[in-house]
Amino acid sequence: MSYLDNLENSLKALESQEEKDPAQQERERQRRADERDAAAQRAPFVRALKTSSFTGQLLGACRRLGPARGVYVQITWVDDALRLEVREHRLELVPTPDGIVAVYAEAGAERRRETINLEGDGEALARQWLQALPD
């Protein structure tokens, strides 16, 4: 038996042992249940973010105000979050079980967070974020 065959058999034995481990199975089941519960709690805010007039105002203002400032605002949906990027500056609207949180980041480092009211003015948020960017 070669070294690689022996290694493969050992890995298969370890995998089958993990599959039979009741504590590991319970931890995995609990993790999946926690993820499912968190997704269910976020679901109303995800729907609201995707369908609200606030989001439409925000995106429209970014498309209009970005070029006026000479910048391109890249708009991306990442899973349930809405990400707006200009060079190394990022504004991400993230649904949480408690509402929508705006995460401001620069060069990959988070600078601040604030809770967003989807009943507010999306254009005002876009204007505030874009004006805060350096020229």
N, C-alpha and C. Protein backbone atom coordinates (compact mmCIF):
# COMPACT_ATOMS: atom_id res chain seq x y z
N MET A 1 0.85 -1.17 0.00
CA MET A 1 0.00 0.00 0.00
C MET A 1 0.89 1.24 0.00
N SER A 2 0.59 2.14 -0.90
CA SER A 2 1.41 3.33 -1.01
C SER A 2 1.06 4.35 0.07
N TYR A 3 1.92 5.32 0.18
CA TYR A 3 1.71 6.39 1.17
C TYR A 3 0.40 7.13 0.90
N LEU A 4 0.13 7.46 -0.37
CA LEU A 4 -1.09 8.20 -0.71
C LEU A 4 -2.35 7.38 -0.43
N ASP A 5 -2.30 6.09 -0.70
CA ASP A 5 -3.45 5.23 -0.39
C ASP A 5 -3.70 5.20 1.11
N ASN A 6 -2.63 5.09 1.87
CA ASN A 6 -2.74 5.07 3.33
C ASN A 6 -3.31 6.39 3.84
N LEU A 7 -2.83 7.51 3.29
CA LEU A 7 -3.32 8.84 3.69
C LEU A 7 -4.81 8.98 3.35
N GLU A 8 -5.19 8.53 2.17
CA GLU A 8 -6.59 8.60 1.76
C GLU A 8 -7.47 7.77 2.69
N ASN A 9 -7.04 6.58 3.03
CA ASN A 9 -7.81 5.73 3.94
C ASN A 9 -7.94 6.37 5.32
N SER A 10 -6.86 6.99 5.77
CA SER A 10 -6.90 7.66 7.08
C SER A 10 -7.88 8.82 7.07
N LEU A 11 -7.88 9.61 6.00
CA LEU A 11 -8.82 10.73 5.90
C LEU A 11 -10.26 10.25 5.85
N LYS A 12 -10.51 9.20 5.10
CA LYS A 12 -11.87 8.64 5.04
C LYS A 12 -12.31 8.15 6.41
N ALA A 13 -11.40 7.52 7.14
CA ALA A 13 -11.72 7.03 8.48
C ALA A 13 -12.06 8.19 9.42
N LEU A 14 -11.28 9.28 9.32
CA LEU A 14 -11.56 10.45 10.17
C LEU A 14 -12.90 11.08 9.82
N GLU A 15 -13.20 11.18 8.52
CA GLU A 15 -14.47 11.77 8.11
C GLU A 15 -15.64 10.93 8.60
N SER A 16 -15.54 9.61 8.48
CA SER A 16 -16.64 8.77 8.92
C SER A 16 -16.79 8.83 10.44
N GLN A 17 -15.66 9.00 11.14
CA GLN A 17 -15.72 9.13 12.60
C GLN A 17 -16.42 10.42 12.99
N GLU A 18 -16.13 11.53 12.27
CA GLU A 18 -16.80 12.81 12.55
C GLU A 18 -18.29 12.71 12.29
N GLU A 19 -18.66 11.99 11.20
CA GLU A 19 -20.07 11.86 10.86
C GLU A 19 -20.83 11.09 11.94
N LYS A 20 -20.14 10.20 12.64
CA LYS A 20 -20.79 9.39 13.67
C LYS A 20 -20.77 10.06 15.03
N ASP A 21 -19.98 11.11 15.18
CA ASP A 21 -19.83 11.78 16.47
C ASP A 21 -21.13 12.53 16.80
N PRO A 22 -21.87 12.10 17.81
CA PRO A 22 -23.15 12.75 18.12
C PRO A 22 -23.00 14.21 18.58
N ALA A 23 -21.91 14.53 19.25
CA ALA A 23 -21.71 15.91 19.71
C ALA A 23 -21.50 16.83 18.51
N GLN A 24 -20.71 16.36 17.54
CA GLN A 24 -20.47 17.15 16.32
C GLN A 24 -21.77 17.32 15.55
N GLN A 25 -22.55 16.27 15.43
CA GLN A 25 -23.83 16.36 14.72
C GLN A 25 -24.77 17.34 15.41
N GLU A 26 -24.79 17.33 16.73
CA GLU A 26 -25.66 18.25 17.48
C GLU A 26 -25.21 19.70 17.30
N ARG A 27 -23.90 19.94 17.32
CA ARG A 27 -23.38 21.29 17.10
C ARG A 27 -23.75 21.79 15.70
N GLU A 28 -23.62 20.92 14.71
CA GLU A 28 -23.95 21.29 13.33
C GLU A 28 -25.45 21.56 13.19
N ARG A 29 -26.28 20.74 13.82
CA ARG A 29 -27.73 20.95 13.78
C ARG A 29 -28.10 22.27 14.45
N GLN A 30 -27.47 22.58 15.57
CA GLN A 30 -27.74 23.82 16.29
C GLN A 30 -27.30 25.03 15.47
N ARG A 31 -26.15 24.92 14.80
CA ARG A 31 -25.66 26.02 13.96
C ARG A 31 -26.62 26.29 12.81
N ARG A 32 -27.11 25.24 12.16
CA ARG A 32 -28.07 25.42 11.06
C ARG A 32 -29.37 26.03 11.57
N ALA A 33 -29.83 25.60 12.74
CA ALA A 33 -31.06 26.15 13.31
C ALA A 33 -30.88 27.63 13.65
N ASP A 34 -29.72 28.00 14.19
CA ASP A 34 -29.45 29.41 14.52
C ASP A 34 -29.42 30.27 13.26
N GLU A 35 -28.78 29.76 12.21
CA GLU A 35 -28.73 30.50 10.94
C GLU A 35 -30.13 30.67 10.36
N ARG A 36 -30.95 29.63 10.43
CA ARG A 36 -32.31 29.70 9.92
C ARG A 36 -33.15 30.71 10.71
N ASP A 37 -33.00 30.72 12.03
CA ASP A 37 -33.73 31.68 12.87
C ASP A 37 -33.31 33.12 12.57
N ALA A 38 -32.00 33.33 12.42
CA ALA A 38 -31.51 34.68 12.12
C ALA A 38 -32.03 35.15 10.77
N ALA A 39 -32.06 34.26 9.78
CA ALA A 39 -32.56 34.63 8.45
C ALA A 39 -34.05 34.96 8.52
N ALA A 40 -34.80 34.22 9.32
CA ALA A 40 -36.23 34.49 9.46
C ALA A 40 -36.48 35.85 10.14
N GLN A 41 -35.63 36.21 11.10
CA GLN A 41 -35.78 37.50 11.77
C GLN A 41 -35.39 38.66 10.86
N ARG A 42 -34.45 38.45 9.96
CA ARG A 42 -34.02 39.49 9.02
C ARG A 42 -34.96 39.64 7.83
N ALA A 43 -35.72 38.62 7.51
CA ALA A 43 -36.51 38.57 6.28
C ALA A 43 -37.39 39.80 6.04
N PRO A 44 -38.14 40.31 7.02
CA PRO A 44 -38.96 41.49 6.73
C PRO A 44 -38.12 42.72 6.35
N PHE A 45 -36.95 42.86 6.95
CA PHE A 45 -36.09 43.99 6.64
C PHE A 45 -35.42 43.83 5.29
N VAL A 46 -35.14 42.59 4.90
CA VAL A 46 -34.58 42.32 3.58
C VAL A 46 -35.59 42.73 2.52
N ARG A 47 -36.85 42.28 2.69
CA ARG A 47 -37.91 42.65 1.73
C ARG A 47 -38.10 44.16 1.68
N ALA A 48 -38.11 44.80 2.84
CA ALA A 48 -38.30 46.24 2.88
C ALA A 48 -37.17 46.97 2.18
N LEU A 49 -35.93 46.53 2.38
CA LEU A 49 -34.80 47.18 1.74
C LEU A 49 -34.89 47.05 0.22
N LYS A 50 -35.29 45.89 -0.25
CA LYS A 50 -35.32 45.66 -1.70
C LYS A 50 -36.49 46.35 -2.39
N THR A 51 -37.56 46.63 -1.66
CA THR A 51 -38.76 47.17 -2.31
C THR A 51 -39.12 48.59 -1.90
N SER A 52 -38.42 49.19 -0.97
CA SER A 52 -38.83 50.50 -0.45
C SER A 52 -38.51 51.63 -1.43
N SER A 53 -39.26 52.70 -1.31
CA SER A 53 -38.98 53.88 -2.12
C SER A 53 -37.67 54.53 -1.68
N PHE A 54 -37.28 54.33 -0.41
CA PHE A 54 -36.02 54.84 0.10
C PHE A 54 -34.86 54.32 -0.75
N THR A 55 -34.88 53.02 -1.03
CA THR A 55 -33.81 52.41 -1.83
C THR A 55 -33.81 52.98 -3.24
N GLY A 56 -34.98 53.15 -3.82
CA GLY A 56 -35.07 53.75 -5.15
C GLY A 56 -34.52 55.16 -5.18
N GLN A 57 -34.86 55.95 -4.16
CA GLN A 57 -34.34 57.31 -4.08
C GLN A 57 -32.82 57.31 -3.92
N LEU A 58 -32.31 56.42 -3.08
CA LEU A 58 -30.87 56.33 -2.83
C LEU A 58 -30.13 55.98 -4.12
N LEU A 59 -30.60 54.96 -4.82
CA LEU A 59 -29.92 54.53 -6.05
C LEU A 59 -30.02 55.59 -7.14
N GLY A 60 -31.19 56.20 -7.27
CA GLY A 60 -31.35 57.26 -8.27
C GLY A 60 -30.44 58.44 -7.99
N ALA A 61 -30.35 58.82 -6.73
CA ALA A 61 -29.49 59.94 -6.36
C ALA A 61 -28.02 59.61 -6.61
N CYS A 62 -27.61 58.37 -6.34
CA CYS A 62 -26.22 57.99 -6.58
C CYS A 62 -25.90 58.02 -8.08
N ARG A 63 -26.84 57.58 -8.90
CA ARG A 63 -26.63 57.62 -10.35
C ARG A 63 -26.55 59.05 -10.87
N ARG A 64 -27.28 59.95 -10.24
CA ARG A 64 -27.33 61.34 -10.68
C ARG A 64 -26.20 62.18 -10.07
N LEU A 65 -25.99 62.03 -8.76
CA LEU A 65 -25.02 62.87 -8.06
C LEU A 65 -23.58 62.40 -8.23
N GLY A 66 -23.38 61.11 -8.42
CA GLY A 66 -22.02 60.59 -8.59
C GLY A 66 -21.31 61.22 -9.77
N PRO A 67 -21.88 61.13 -10.99
CA PRO A 67 -21.22 61.76 -12.14
C PRO A 67 -21.08 63.27 -11.99
N ALA A 68 -22.01 63.92 -11.31
CA ALA A 68 -21.90 65.37 -11.10
C ALA A 68 -20.66 65.69 -10.26
N ARG A 69 -20.26 64.76 -9.38
CA ARG A 69 -19.03 64.93 -8.57
C ARG A 69 -17.81 64.35 -9.26
N GLY A 70 -18.03 63.72 -10.41
CA GLY A 70 -16.92 63.13 -11.15
C GLY A 70 -16.50 61.76 -10.64
N VAL A 71 -17.44 61.05 -10.00
CA VAL A 71 -17.14 59.70 -9.50
C VAL A 71 -18.18 58.72 -10.01
N TYR A 72 -17.79 57.46 -10.09
CA TYR A 72 -18.70 56.40 -10.47
C TYR A 72 -19.07 55.62 -9.21
N VAL A 73 -20.36 55.52 -8.94
CA VAL A 73 -20.83 54.77 -7.78
C VAL A 73 -21.19 53.37 -8.26
N GLN A 74 -20.43 52.39 -7.79
CA GLN A 74 -20.71 51.00 -8.15
C GLN A 74 -21.75 50.47 -7.18
N ILE A 75 -22.85 49.96 -7.73
CA ILE A 75 -23.98 49.46 -6.93
C ILE A 75 -24.02 47.95 -7.06
N THR A 76 -24.00 47.25 -5.92
CA THR A 76 -23.98 45.79 -5.92
C THR A 76 -24.86 45.26 -4.80
N TRP A 77 -25.62 44.21 -5.11
CA TRP A 77 -26.34 43.47 -4.07
C TRP A 77 -25.45 42.30 -3.69
N VAL A 78 -25.08 42.21 -2.43
CA VAL A 78 -24.27 41.11 -1.90
C VAL A 78 -25.14 40.37 -0.91
N ASP A 79 -25.60 39.20 -1.31
CA ASP A 79 -26.59 38.44 -0.54
C ASP A 79 -27.79 39.36 -0.30
N ASP A 80 -28.04 39.73 0.95
CA ASP A 80 -29.19 40.58 1.27
C ASP A 80 -28.80 42.04 1.45
N ALA A 81 -27.54 42.36 1.36
CA ALA A 81 -27.04 43.71 1.62
C ALA A 81 -26.86 44.49 0.32
N LEU A 82 -27.09 45.79 0.40
CA LEU A 82 -26.88 46.70 -0.72
C LEU A 82 -25.56 47.42 -0.49
N ARG A 83 -24.63 47.29 -1.45
CA ARG A 83 -23.31 47.90 -1.32
C ARG A 83 -23.13 48.99 -2.37
N LEU A 84 -22.70 50.17 -1.91
CA LEU A 84 -22.37 51.29 -2.78
C LEU A 84 -20.88 51.57 -2.59
N GLU A 85 -20.13 51.64 -3.70
CA GLU A 85 -18.69 51.84 -3.60
C GLU A 85 -18.22 52.94 -4.54
N VAL A 86 -17.35 53.77 -4.03
CA VAL A 86 -16.63 54.77 -4.82
C VAL A 86 -15.17 54.64 -4.43
N ARG A 87 -14.37 54.16 -5.38
CA ARG A 87 -12.96 53.89 -5.11
C ARG A 87 -12.83 53.03 -3.85
N GLU A 88 -12.13 53.50 -2.83
CA GLU A 88 -11.95 52.68 -1.62
C GLU A 88 -12.99 53.00 -0.54
N HIS A 89 -14.00 53.79 -0.86
CA HIS A 89 -15.04 54.15 0.10
C HIS A 89 -16.28 53.29 -0.15
N ARG A 90 -16.89 52.83 0.94
CA ARG A 90 -18.02 51.93 0.83
C ARG A 90 -19.12 52.31 1.81
N LEU A 91 -20.34 52.24 1.33
CA LEU A 91 -21.53 52.36 2.17
C LEU A 91 -22.34 51.09 1.92
N GLU A 92 -22.58 50.33 2.99
CA GLU A 92 -23.30 49.08 2.85
C GLU A 92 -24.53 49.11 3.76
N LEU A 93 -25.69 48.85 3.17
CA LEU A 93 -26.94 48.77 3.94
C LEU A 93 -27.21 47.30 4.21
N VAL A 94 -27.16 46.92 5.48
CA VAL A 94 -27.23 45.53 5.89
C VAL A 94 -28.49 45.29 6.73
N PRO A 95 -29.37 44.38 6.29
CA PRO A 95 -30.52 44.02 7.11
C PRO A 95 -30.07 43.18 8.32
N THR A 96 -30.56 43.55 9.49
CA THR A 96 -30.29 42.79 10.72
C THR A 96 -31.63 42.48 11.36
N PRO A 97 -31.67 41.64 12.37
CA PRO A 97 -32.94 41.37 13.05
C PRO A 97 -33.56 42.62 13.69
N ASP A 98 -32.74 43.67 13.91
CA ASP A 98 -33.23 44.89 14.54
C ASP A 98 -33.53 46.01 13.56
N GLY A 99 -33.28 45.82 12.27
CA GLY A 99 -33.52 46.86 11.28
C GLY A 99 -32.42 46.90 10.25
N ILE A 100 -32.32 48.03 9.57
CA ILE A 100 -31.31 48.22 8.54
C ILE A 100 -30.17 49.05 9.13
N VAL A 101 -28.95 48.57 8.96
CA VAL A 101 -27.77 49.25 9.48
C VAL A 101 -26.91 49.71 8.31
N ALA A 102 -26.50 50.97 8.32
CA ALA A 102 -25.58 51.50 7.32
C ALA A 102 -24.17 51.36 7.89
N VAL A 103 -23.32 50.68 7.13
CA VAL A 103 -21.93 50.49 7.54
C VAL A 103 -21.05 51.30 6.60
N TYR A 104 -20.34 52.27 7.14
CA TYR A 104 -19.44 53.12 6.37
C TYR A 104 -18.03 52.55 6.53
N ALA A 105 -17.36 52.34 5.39
CA ALA A 105 -16.00 51.79 5.43
C ALA A 105 -15.10 52.56 4.47
N GLU A 106 -13.83 52.58 4.82
CA GLU A 106 -12.83 53.23 3.98
C GLU A 106 -11.59 52.35 3.94
N ALA A 107 -11.14 52.03 2.75
CA ALA A 107 -9.96 51.17 2.54
C ALA A 107 -10.12 49.85 3.28
N GLY A 108 -11.33 49.30 3.28
CA GLY A 108 -11.58 48.02 3.90
C GLY A 108 -11.80 48.05 5.40
N ALA A 109 -11.62 49.19 6.04
CA ALA A 109 -11.79 49.30 7.49
C ALA A 109 -13.10 50.02 7.80
N GLU A 110 -13.87 49.42 8.67
CA GLU A 110 -15.14 50.04 9.07
C GLU A 110 -14.87 51.31 9.86
N ARG A 111 -15.57 52.39 9.48
CA ARG A 111 -15.41 53.67 10.16
C ARG A 111 -16.53 53.94 11.16
N ARG A 112 -17.77 53.63 10.74
CA ARG A 112 -18.89 53.84 11.67
C ARG A 112 -20.11 53.09 11.17
N ARG A 113 -21.11 53.00 12.05
CA ARG A 113 -22.39 52.36 11.75
C ARG A 113 -23.51 53.27 12.24
N GLU A 114 -24.63 53.19 11.55
CA GLU A 114 -25.82 53.89 12.02
C GLU A 114 -27.06 53.15 11.53
N THR A 115 -28.12 53.26 12.29
CA THR A 115 -29.38 52.64 11.92
C THR A 115 -30.10 53.53 10.92
N ILE A 116 -30.68 52.91 9.90
CA ILE A 116 -31.35 53.64 8.83
C ILE A 116 -32.86 53.45 8.95
N ASN A 117 -33.59 54.54 8.80
CA ASN A 117 -35.05 54.50 8.77
C ASN A 117 -35.47 54.50 7.31
N LEU A 118 -36.10 53.44 6.86
CA LEU A 118 -36.51 53.33 5.46
C LEU A 118 -37.67 54.24 5.11
N GLU A 119 -38.22 54.92 6.09
CA GLU A 119 -39.26 55.91 5.84
C GLU A 119 -38.65 57.27 5.53
N GLY A 120 -37.33 57.39 5.68
CA GLY A 120 -36.63 58.65 5.47
C GLY A 120 -36.37 58.96 4.01
N ASP A 121 -35.45 59.87 3.80
CA ASP A 121 -35.13 60.36 2.45
C ASP A 121 -33.84 59.69 1.97
N GLY A 122 -33.95 58.83 0.97
CA GLY A 122 -32.80 58.14 0.41
C GLY A 122 -31.84 59.08 -0.28
N GLU A 123 -32.37 60.11 -0.91
CA GLU A 123 -31.52 61.07 -1.61
C GLU A 123 -30.64 61.82 -0.61
N ALA A 124 -31.17 62.13 0.56
CA ALA A 124 -30.38 62.83 1.58
C ALA A 124 -29.21 61.97 2.04
N LEU A 125 -29.43 60.67 2.19
CA LEU A 125 -28.34 59.78 2.57
C LEU A 125 -27.26 59.74 1.49
N ALA A 126 -27.69 59.64 0.23
CA ALA A 126 -26.73 59.63 -0.89
C ALA A 126 -25.93 60.93 -0.92
N ARG A 127 -26.61 62.04 -0.77
CA ARG A 127 -25.94 63.35 -0.80
C ARG A 127 -24.93 63.46 0.34
N GLN A 128 -25.34 63.05 1.54
CA GLN A 128 -24.46 63.13 2.71
C GLN A 128 -23.23 62.25 2.50
N TRP A 129 -23.42 61.02 2.02
CA TRP A 129 -22.30 60.10 1.83
C TRP A 129 -21.35 60.61 0.74
N LEU A 130 -21.89 61.04 -0.39
CA LEU A 130 -21.05 61.49 -1.48
C LEU A 130 -20.31 62.79 -1.16
N GLN A 131 -20.94 63.68 -0.40
CA GLN A 131 -20.27 64.94 -0.04
C GLN A 131 -19.15 64.71 0.95
N ALA A 132 -19.25 63.63 1.73
CA ALA A 132 -18.21 63.33 2.72
C ALA A 132 -16.97 62.73 2.08
N LEU A 133 -17.07 62.30 0.82
CA LEU A 133 -15.92 61.70 0.14
C LEU A 133 -14.91 62.79 -0.20
N PRO A 134 -13.62 62.47 -0.08
CA PRO A 134 -12.60 63.45 -0.45
C PRO A 134 -12.58 63.62 -1.97
N ASP A 135 -12.18 64.81 -2.40
CA ASP A 135 -12.10 65.07 -3.85
C ASP A 135 -10.94 64.38 -4.50
